[in-house]
């Protein structure tokens, strides 16, 4: 089985064989992967954020959600 390090070395060897005029295209392609990883990391960072929320706070929040949004909307409409 090939290790991560070996796979990275294989990829680097391939990159060095790519013509210079294709490097921007490769960079764009890799950047898309990085963006995808960052999005997943940001989303998963919220996991469990509400795990220990007090029941009364959660109930108040959910019962008043529509009213709170309407108040907020009026503030931004001004």
PDB file of N, CA and C in Angstrom:
ATOM      1  N   UNK A   1       0.841  -1.179   0.000  1.00  0.00           N
ATOM      2  CA  UNK A   1       0.000   0.000   0.000  1.00  0.00           C
ATOM      3  C   UNK A   1       0.891   1.250   0.000  1.00  0.00           C
ATOM      4  N   UNK A   2       0.462   2.259  -0.716  1.00  0.00           N
ATOM      5  CA  UNK A   2       1.234   3.495  -0.854  1.00  0.00           C
ATOM      6  C   UNK A   2       0.884   4.460   0.288  1.00  0.00           C
ATOM      7  N   UNK A   3       1.887   5.085   0.859  1.00  0.00           N
ATOM      8  CA  UNK A   3       1.655   6.021   1.956  1.00  0.00           C
ATOM      9  C   UNK A   3       1.267   7.394   1.405  1.00  0.00           C
ATOM     10  N   UNK A   4       0.760   8.240   2.277  1.00  0.00           N
ATOM     11  CA  UNK A   4       0.428   9.616   1.881  1.00  0.00           C
ATOM     12  C   UNK A   4       1.660  10.344   1.362  1.00  0.00           C
ATOM     13  N   UNK A   5       2.774  10.146   2.027  1.00  0.00           N
ATOM     14  CA  UNK A   5       4.015  10.810   1.615  1.00  0.00           C
ATOM     15  C   UNK A   5       4.425  10.364   0.222  1.00  0.00           C
ATOM     16  N   UNK A   6       4.339   9.081  -0.040  1.00  0.00           N
ATOM     17  CA  UNK A   6       4.688   8.573  -1.369  1.00  0.00           C
ATOM     18  C   UNK A   6       3.738   9.125  -2.434  1.00  0.00           C
ATOM     19  N   UNK A   7       2.459   9.186  -2.117  1.00  0.00           N
ATOM     20  CA  UNK A   7       1.474   9.711  -3.060  1.00  0.00           C
ATOM     21  C   UNK A   7       1.747  11.180  -3.350  1.00  0.00           C
ATOM     22  N   UNK A   8       2.084  11.945  -2.327  1.00  0.00           N
ATOM     23  CA  UNK A   8       2.417  13.361  -2.515  1.00  0.00           C
ATOM     24  C   UNK A   8       3.654  13.516  -3.412  1.00  0.00           C
ATOM     25  N   UNK A   9       4.633  12.649  -3.213  1.00  0.00           N
ATOM     26  CA  UNK A   9       5.842  12.696  -4.039  1.00  0.00           C
ATOM     27  C   UNK A   9       5.511  12.383  -5.504  1.00  0.00           C
ATOM     28  N   UNK A  10       4.629  11.412  -5.722  1.00  0.00           N
ATOM     29  CA  UNK A  10       4.201  11.093  -7.085  1.00  0.00           C
ATOM     30  C   UNK A  10       3.521  12.295  -7.742  1.00  0.00           C
ATOM     31  N   UNK A  11       2.648  12.927  -6.981  1.00  0.00           N
ATOM     32  CA  UNK A  11       1.928  14.095  -7.502  1.00  0.00           C
ATOM     33  C   UNK A  11       2.896  15.229  -7.817  1.00  0.00           C
ATOM     34  N   UNK A  12       3.853  15.474  -6.921  1.00  0.00           N
ATOM     35  CA  UNK A  12       4.848  16.524  -7.165  1.00  0.00           C
ATOM     36  C   UNK A  12       5.666  16.247  -8.425  1.00  0.00           C
ATOM     37  N   UNK A  13       6.042  14.985  -8.628  1.00  0.00           N
ATOM     38  CA  UNK A  13       6.788  14.646  -9.856  1.00  0.00           C
ATOM     39  C   UNK A  13       5.949  14.965 -11.092  1.00  0.00           C
ATOM     40  N   UNK A  14       4.667  14.658 -11.037  1.00  0.00           N
ATOM     41  CA  UNK A  14       3.777  14.961 -12.160  1.00  0.00           C
ATOM     42  C   UNK A  14       3.666  16.466 -12.375  1.00  0.00           C
ATOM     43  N   UNK A  15       3.589  17.210 -11.289  1.00  0.00           N
ATOM     44  CA  UNK A  15       3.476  18.674 -11.391  1.00  0.00           C
ATOM     45  C   UNK A  15       4.699  19.251 -12.094  1.00  0.00           C
ATOM     46  N   UNK A  16       5.882  18.748 -11.763  1.00  0.00           N
ATOM     47  CA  UNK A  16       7.105  19.263 -12.379  1.00  0.00           C
ATOM     48  C   UNK A  16       7.176  18.979 -13.877  1.00  0.00           C
ATOM     49  N   UNK A  17       6.392  18.019 -14.337  1.00  0.00           N
ATOM     50  CA  UNK A  17       6.360  17.711 -15.773  1.00  0.00           C
ATOM     51  C   UNK A  17       5.322  18.541 -16.531  1.00  0.00           C
ATOM     52  N   UNK A  18       4.487  19.259 -15.823  1.00  0.00           N
ATOM     53  CA  UNK A  18       3.442  20.070 -16.468  1.00  0.00           C
ATOM     54  C   UNK A  18       4.088  21.299 -17.107  1.00  0.00           C
ATOM     55  N   UNK A  19       3.700  21.617 -18.333  1.00  0.00           N
ATOM     56  CA  UNK A  19       4.256  22.808 -18.995  1.00  0.00           C
ATOM     57  C   UNK A  19       3.883  24.096 -18.241  1.00  0.00           C
ATOM     58  N   UNK A  20       4.740  25.067 -18.316  1.00  0.00           N
ATOM     59  CA  UNK A  20       4.554  26.338 -17.605  1.00  0.00           C
ATOM     60  C   UNK A  20       3.227  27.005 -17.925  1.00  0.00           C
ATOM     61  N   UNK A  21       2.808  26.917 -19.176  1.00  0.00           N
ATOM     62  CA  UNK A  21       1.571  27.598 -19.573  1.00  0.00           C
ATOM     63  C   UNK A  21       0.315  26.950 -18.974  1.00  0.00           C
ATOM     64  N   UNK A  22       0.459  25.784 -18.367  1.00  0.00           N
ATOM     65  CA  UNK A  22      -0.683  25.105 -17.733  1.00  0.00           C
ATOM     66  C   UNK A  22      -0.701  25.282 -16.207  1.00  0.00           C
ATOM     67  N   UNK A  23       0.308  25.934 -15.655  1.00  0.00           N
ATOM     68  CA  UNK A  23       0.401  26.057 -14.198  1.00  0.00           C
ATOM     69  C   UNK A  23      -0.737  26.888 -13.599  1.00  0.00           C
ATOM     70  N   UNK A  24      -1.162  27.942 -14.288  1.00  0.00           N
ATOM     71  CA  UNK A  24      -2.287  28.743 -13.770  1.00  0.00           C
ATOM     72  C   UNK A  24      -3.556  27.911 -13.701  1.00  0.00           C
ATOM     73  N   UNK A  25      -3.757  27.092 -14.699  1.00  0.00           N
ATOM     74  CA  UNK A  25      -4.922  26.209 -14.728  1.00  0.00           C
ATOM     75  C   UNK A  25      -4.880  25.215 -13.562  1.00  0.00           C
ATOM     76  N   UNK A  26      -3.715  24.663 -13.312  1.00  0.00           N
ATOM     77  CA  UNK A  26      -3.533  23.738 -12.197  1.00  0.00           C
ATOM     78  C   UNK A  26      -3.769  24.450 -10.864  1.00  0.00           C
ATOM     79  N   UNK A  27      -3.242  25.654 -10.754  1.00  0.00           N
ATOM     80  CA  UNK A  27      -3.419  26.436  -9.526  1.00  0.00           C
ATOM     81  C   UNK A  27      -4.904  26.694  -9.263  1.00  0.00           C
ATOM     82  N   UNK A  28      -5.652  27.036 -10.285  1.00  0.00           N
ATOM     83  CA  UNK A  28      -7.103  27.255 -10.135  1.00  0.00           C
ATOM     84  C   UNK A  28      -7.792  25.983  -9.670  1.00  0.00           C
ATOM     85  N   UNK A  29      -7.403  24.869 -10.252  1.00  0.00           N
ATOM     86  CA  UNK A  29      -7.990  23.576  -9.899  1.00  0.00           C
ATOM     87  C   UNK A  29      -7.730  23.249  -8.420  1.00  0.00           C
ATOM     88  N   UNK A  30      -6.501  23.431  -7.988  1.00  0.00           N
ATOM     89  CA  UNK A  30      -6.142  23.154  -6.586  1.00  0.00           C
ATOM     90  C   UNK A  30      -6.858  24.117  -5.650  1.00  0.00           C
ATOM     91  N   UNK A  31      -7.004  25.367  -6.056  1.00  0.00           N
ATOM     92  CA  UNK A  31      -7.694  26.363  -5.232  1.00  0.00           C
ATOM     93  C   UNK A  31      -9.143  25.967  -4.971  1.00  0.00           C
ATOM     94  N   UNK A  32      -9.780  25.338  -5.954  1.00  0.00           N
ATOM     95  CA  UNK A  32     -11.160  24.868  -5.768  1.00  0.00           C
ATOM     96  C   UNK A  32     -11.225  23.812  -4.667  1.00  0.00           C
ATOM     97  N   UNK A  33     -10.239  22.926  -4.637  1.00  0.00           N
ATOM     98  CA  UNK A  33     -10.183  21.927  -3.567  1.00  0.00           C
ATOM     99  C   UNK A  33     -10.022  22.605  -2.203  1.00  0.00           C
ATOM    100  N   UNK A  34      -9.146  23.591  -2.139  1.00  0.00           N
ATOM    101  CA  UNK A  34      -8.918  24.301  -0.874  1.00  0.00           C
ATOM    102  C   UNK A  34     -10.185  24.994  -0.399  1.00  0.00           C
ATOM    103  N   UNK A  35     -10.913  25.627  -1.309  1.00  0.00           N
ATOM    104  CA  UNK A  35     -12.158  26.306  -0.946  1.00  0.00           C
ATOM    105  C   UNK A  35     -13.168  25.311  -0.396  1.00  0.00           C
ATOM    106  N   UNK A  36     -13.258  24.157  -1.039  1.00  0.00           N
ATOM    107  CA  UNK A  36     -14.192  23.123  -0.597  1.00  0.00           C
ATOM    108  C   UNK A  36     -13.846  22.644   0.806  1.00  0.00           C
ATOM    109  N   UNK A  37     -12.571  22.444   1.059  1.00  0.00           N
ATOM    110  CA  UNK A  37     -12.121  22.000   2.379  1.00  0.00           C
ATOM    111  C   UNK A  37     -12.429  23.067   3.426  1.00  0.00           C
ATOM    112  N   UNK A  38     -12.175  24.341   3.095  1.00  0.00           N
ATOM    113  CA  UNK A  38     -12.443  25.429   4.032  1.00  0.00           C
ATOM    114  C   UNK A  38     -13.926  25.540   4.351  1.00  0.00           C
ATOM    115  N   UNK A  39     -14.781  25.355   3.363  1.00  0.00           N
ATOM    116  CA  UNK A  39     -16.224  25.422   3.594  1.00  0.00           C
ATOM    117  C   UNK A  39     -16.665  24.322   4.539  1.00  0.00           C
ATOM    118  N   UNK A  40     -16.162  23.120   4.321  1.00  0.00           N
ATOM    119  CA  UNK A  40     -16.526  22.004   5.186  1.00  0.00           C
ATOM    120  C   UNK A  40     -16.041  22.244   6.607  1.00  0.00           C
ATOM    121  N   UNK A  41     -14.855  22.794   6.744  1.00  0.00           N
ATOM    122  CA  UNK A  41     -14.293  23.058   8.064  1.00  0.00           C
ATOM    123  C   UNK A  41     -15.127  24.109   8.788  1.00  0.00           C
ATOM    124  N   UNK A  42     -15.504  25.175   8.087  1.00  0.00           N
ATOM    125  CA  UNK A  42     -16.309  26.225   8.707  1.00  0.00           C
ATOM    126  C   UNK A  42     -17.664  25.688   9.138  1.00  0.00           C
ATOM    127  N   UNK A  43     -18.298  24.899   8.284  1.00  0.00           N
ATOM    128  CA  UNK A  43     -19.607  24.343   8.599  1.00  0.00           C
ATOM    129  C   UNK A  43     -19.529  23.402   9.785  1.00  0.00           C
ATOM    130  N   UNK A  44     -18.570  22.505   9.777  1.00  0.00           N
ATOM    131  CA  UNK A  44     -18.465  21.528  10.856  1.00  0.00           C
ATOM    132  C   UNK A  44     -17.996  22.161  12.160  1.00  0.00           C
ATOM    133  N   UNK A  45     -17.468  23.366  12.116  1.00  0.00           N
ATOM    134  CA  UNK A  45     -17.037  24.012  13.356  1.00  0.00           C
ATOM    135  C   UNK A  45     -18.228  24.371  14.237  1.00  0.00           C
ATOM    136  N   UNK A  46     -19.427  24.404  13.656  1.00  0.00           N
ATOM    137  CA  UNK A  46     -20.631  24.688  14.443  1.00  0.00           C
ATOM    138  C   UNK A  46     -21.232  23.439  15.068  1.00  0.00           C
ATOM    139  N   UNK A  47     -20.723  22.283  14.707  1.00  0.00           N
ATOM    140  CA  UNK A  47     -21.268  21.028  15.220  1.00  0.00           C
ATOM    141  C   UNK A  47     -21.236  21.013  16.740  1.00  0.00           C
ATOM    142  N   UNK A  48     -22.373  20.727  17.330  1.00  0.00           N
ATOM    143  CA  UNK A  48     -22.471  20.646  18.781  1.00  0.00           C
ATOM    144  C   UNK A  48     -22.530  21.976  19.498  1.00  0.00           C
ATOM    145  N   UNK A  49     -22.623  23.072  18.755  1.00  0.00           N
ATOM    146  CA  UNK A  49     -22.611  24.396  19.378  1.00  0.00           C
ATOM    147  C   UNK A  49     -23.795  24.595  20.315  1.00  0.00           C
ATOM    148  N   UNK A  50     -24.894  23.944  20.003  1.00  0.00           N
ATOM    149  CA  UNK A  50     -26.095  24.114  20.830  1.00  0.00           C
ATOM    150  C   UNK A  50     -26.317  22.924  21.751  1.00  0.00           C
ATOM    151  N   UNK A  51     -25.360  22.095  21.869  1.00  0.00           N
ATOM    152  CA  UNK A  51     -25.510  20.862  22.625  1.00  0.00           C
ATOM    153  C   UNK A  51     -25.880  21.096  24.087  1.00  0.00           C
ATOM    154  N   UNK A  52     -25.267  22.075  24.721  1.00  0.00           N
ATOM    155  CA  UNK A  52     -25.492  22.304  26.150  1.00  0.00           C
ATOM    156  C   UNK A  52     -26.358  23.526  26.433  1.00  0.00           C
ATOM    157  N   UNK A  53     -27.174  23.935  25.457  1.00  0.00           N
ATOM    158  CA  UNK A  53     -28.000  25.121  25.655  1.00  0.00           C
ATOM    159  C   UNK A  53     -29.111  24.805  26.657  1.00  0.00           C
ATOM    160  N   UNK A  54     -29.371  25.746  27.502  1.00  0.00           N
ATOM    161  CA  UNK A  54     -30.409  25.603  28.511  1.00  0.00           C
ATOM    162  C   UNK A  54     -31.772  25.474  27.825  1.00  0.00           C
ATOM    163  N   UNK A  55     -32.612  24.558  28.311  1.00  0.00           N
ATOM    164  CA  UNK A  55     -33.927  24.315  27.693  1.00  0.00           C
ATOM    165  C   UNK A  55     -34.794  25.560  27.648  1.00  0.00           C
ATOM    166  N   UNK A  56     -34.759  26.375  28.700  1.00  0.00           N
ATOM    167  CA  UNK A  56     -35.605  27.574  28.722  1.00  0.00           C
ATOM    168  C   UNK A  56     -35.138  28.595  27.680  1.00  0.00           C
ATOM    169  N   UNK A  57     -33.841  28.695  27.483  1.00  0.00           N
ATOM    170  CA  UNK A  57     -33.303  29.612  26.465  1.00  0.00           C
ATOM    171  C   UNK A  57     -33.692  29.126  25.076  1.00  0.00           C
ATOM    172  N   UNK A  58     -33.569  27.827  24.831  1.00  0.00           N
ATOM    173  CA  UNK A  58     -33.941  27.267  23.538  1.00  0.00           C
ATOM    174  C   UNK A  58     -35.433  27.464  23.263  1.00  0.00           C
ATOM    175  N   UNK A  59     -36.252  27.224  24.271  1.00  0.00           N
ATOM    176  CA  UNK A  59     -37.699  27.403  24.107  1.00  0.00           C
ATOM    177  C   UNK A  59     -38.017  28.863  23.794  1.00  0.00           C
ATOM    178  N   UNK A  60     -37.430  29.781  24.548  1.00  0.00           N
ATOM    179  CA  UNK A  60     -37.652  31.211  24.312  1.00  0.00           C
ATOM    180  C   UNK A  60     -37.194  31.603  22.904  1.00  0.00           C
ATOM    181  N   UNK A  61     -36.061  31.107  22.515  1.00  0.00           N
ATOM    182  CA  UNK A  61     -35.523  31.424  21.186  1.00  0.00           C
ATOM    183  C   UNK A  61     -36.466  30.945  20.085  1.00  0.00           C
ATOM    184  N   UNK A  62     -36.907  29.691  20.171  1.00  0.00           N
ATOM    185  CA  UNK A  62     -37.745  29.139  19.105  1.00  0.00           C
ATOM    186  C   UNK A  62     -39.137  29.754  19.095  1.00  0.00           C
ATOM    187  N   UNK A  63     -39.691  30.043  20.267  1.00  0.00           N
ATOM    188  CA  UNK A  63     -41.033  30.631  20.324  1.00  0.00           C
ATOM    189  C   UNK A  63     -41.036  32.069  19.821  1.00  0.00           C
ATOM    190  N   UNK A  64     -39.956  32.776  20.008  1.00  0.00           N
ATOM    191  CA  UNK A  64     -39.894  34.181  19.611  1.00  0.00           C
ATOM    192  C   UNK A  64     -39.095  34.418  18.332  1.00  0.00           C
ATOM    193  N   UNK A  65     -38.783  33.354  17.633  1.00  0.00           N
ATOM    194  CA  UNK A  65     -37.952  33.466  16.447  1.00  0.00           C
ATOM    195  C   UNK A  65     -38.561  34.404  15.402  1.00  0.00           C
ATOM    196  N   UNK A  66     -39.818  34.211  15.076  1.00  0.00           N
ATOM    197  CA  UNK A  66     -40.467  35.040  14.052  1.00  0.00           C
ATOM    198  C   UNK A  66     -40.502  36.501  14.489  1.00  0.00           C
ATOM    199  N   UNK A  67     -40.869  36.752  15.729  1.00  0.00           N
ATOM    200  CA  UNK A  67     -40.908  38.135  16.227  1.00  0.00           C
ATOM    201  C   UNK A  67     -39.526  38.779  16.195  1.00  0.00           C
ATOM    202  N   UNK A  68     -38.521  38.035  16.605  1.00  0.00           N
ATOM    203  CA  UNK A  68     -37.151  38.569  16.597  1.00  0.00           C
ATOM    204  C   UNK A  68     -36.690  38.895  15.182  1.00  0.00           C
ATOM    205  N   UNK A  69     -37.031  38.038  14.240  1.00  0.00           N
ATOM    206  CA  UNK A  69     -36.646  38.299  12.849  1.00  0.00           C
ATOM    207  C   UNK A  69     -37.360  39.535  12.307  1.00  0.00           C
ATOM    208  N   UNK A  70     -38.628  39.684  12.651  1.00  0.00           N
ATOM    209  CA  UNK A  70     -39.370  40.852  12.177  1.00  0.00           C
ATOM    210  C   UNK A  70     -38.801  42.135  12.771  1.00  0.00           C
ATOM    211  N   UNK A  71     -38.447  42.113  14.046  1.00  0.00           N
ATOM    212  CA  UNK A  71     -37.820  43.284  14.670  1.00  0.00           C
ATOM    213  C   UNK A  71     -36.502  43.619  13.978  1.00  0.00           C
ATOM    214  N   UNK A  72     -35.714  42.600  13.708  1.00  0.00           N
ATOM    215  CA  UNK A  72     -34.435  42.783  13.045  1.00  0.00           C
ATOM    216  C   UNK A  72     -34.623  43.338  11.640  1.00  0.00           C
ATOM    217  N   UNK A  73     -35.626  42.863  10.938  1.00  0.00           N
ATOM    218  CA  UNK A  73     -35.884  43.306   9.575  1.00  0.00           C
ATOM    219  C   UNK A  73     -36.258  44.786   9.569  1.00  0.00           C
ATOM    220  N   UNK A  74     -37.090  45.197  10.512  1.00  0.00           N
ATOM    221  CA  UNK A  74     -37.489  46.608  10.581  1.00  0.00           C
ATOM    222  C   UNK A  74     -36.286  47.514  10.793  1.00  0.00           C
ATOM    223  N   UNK A  75     -35.330  47.036  11.603  1.00  0.00           N
ATOM    224  CA  UNK A  75     -34.131  47.823  11.865  1.00  0.00           C
ATOM    225  C   UNK A  75     -33.289  48.019  10.613  1.00  0.00           C
ATOM    226  N   UNK A  76     -33.217  47.002   9.778  1.00  0.00           N
ATOM    227  CA  UNK A  76     -32.399  47.109   8.572  1.00  0.00           C
ATOM    228  C   UNK A  76     -33.119  47.817   7.452  1.00  0.00           C
ATOM    229  N   UNK A  77     -34.450  47.887   7.506  1.00  0.00           N
ATOM    230  CA  UNK A  77     -35.227  48.571   6.472  1.00  0.00           C
ATOM    231  C   UNK A  77     -35.183  50.077   6.614  1.00  0.00           C
ATOM    232  N   UNK A  78     -34.881  50.552   7.811  1.00  0.00           N
ATOM    233  CA  UNK A  78     -34.873  52.003   8.056  1.00  0.00           C
ATOM    234  C   UNK A  78     -33.792  52.711   7.289  1.00  0.00           C
TER     235      UNK A  78
END
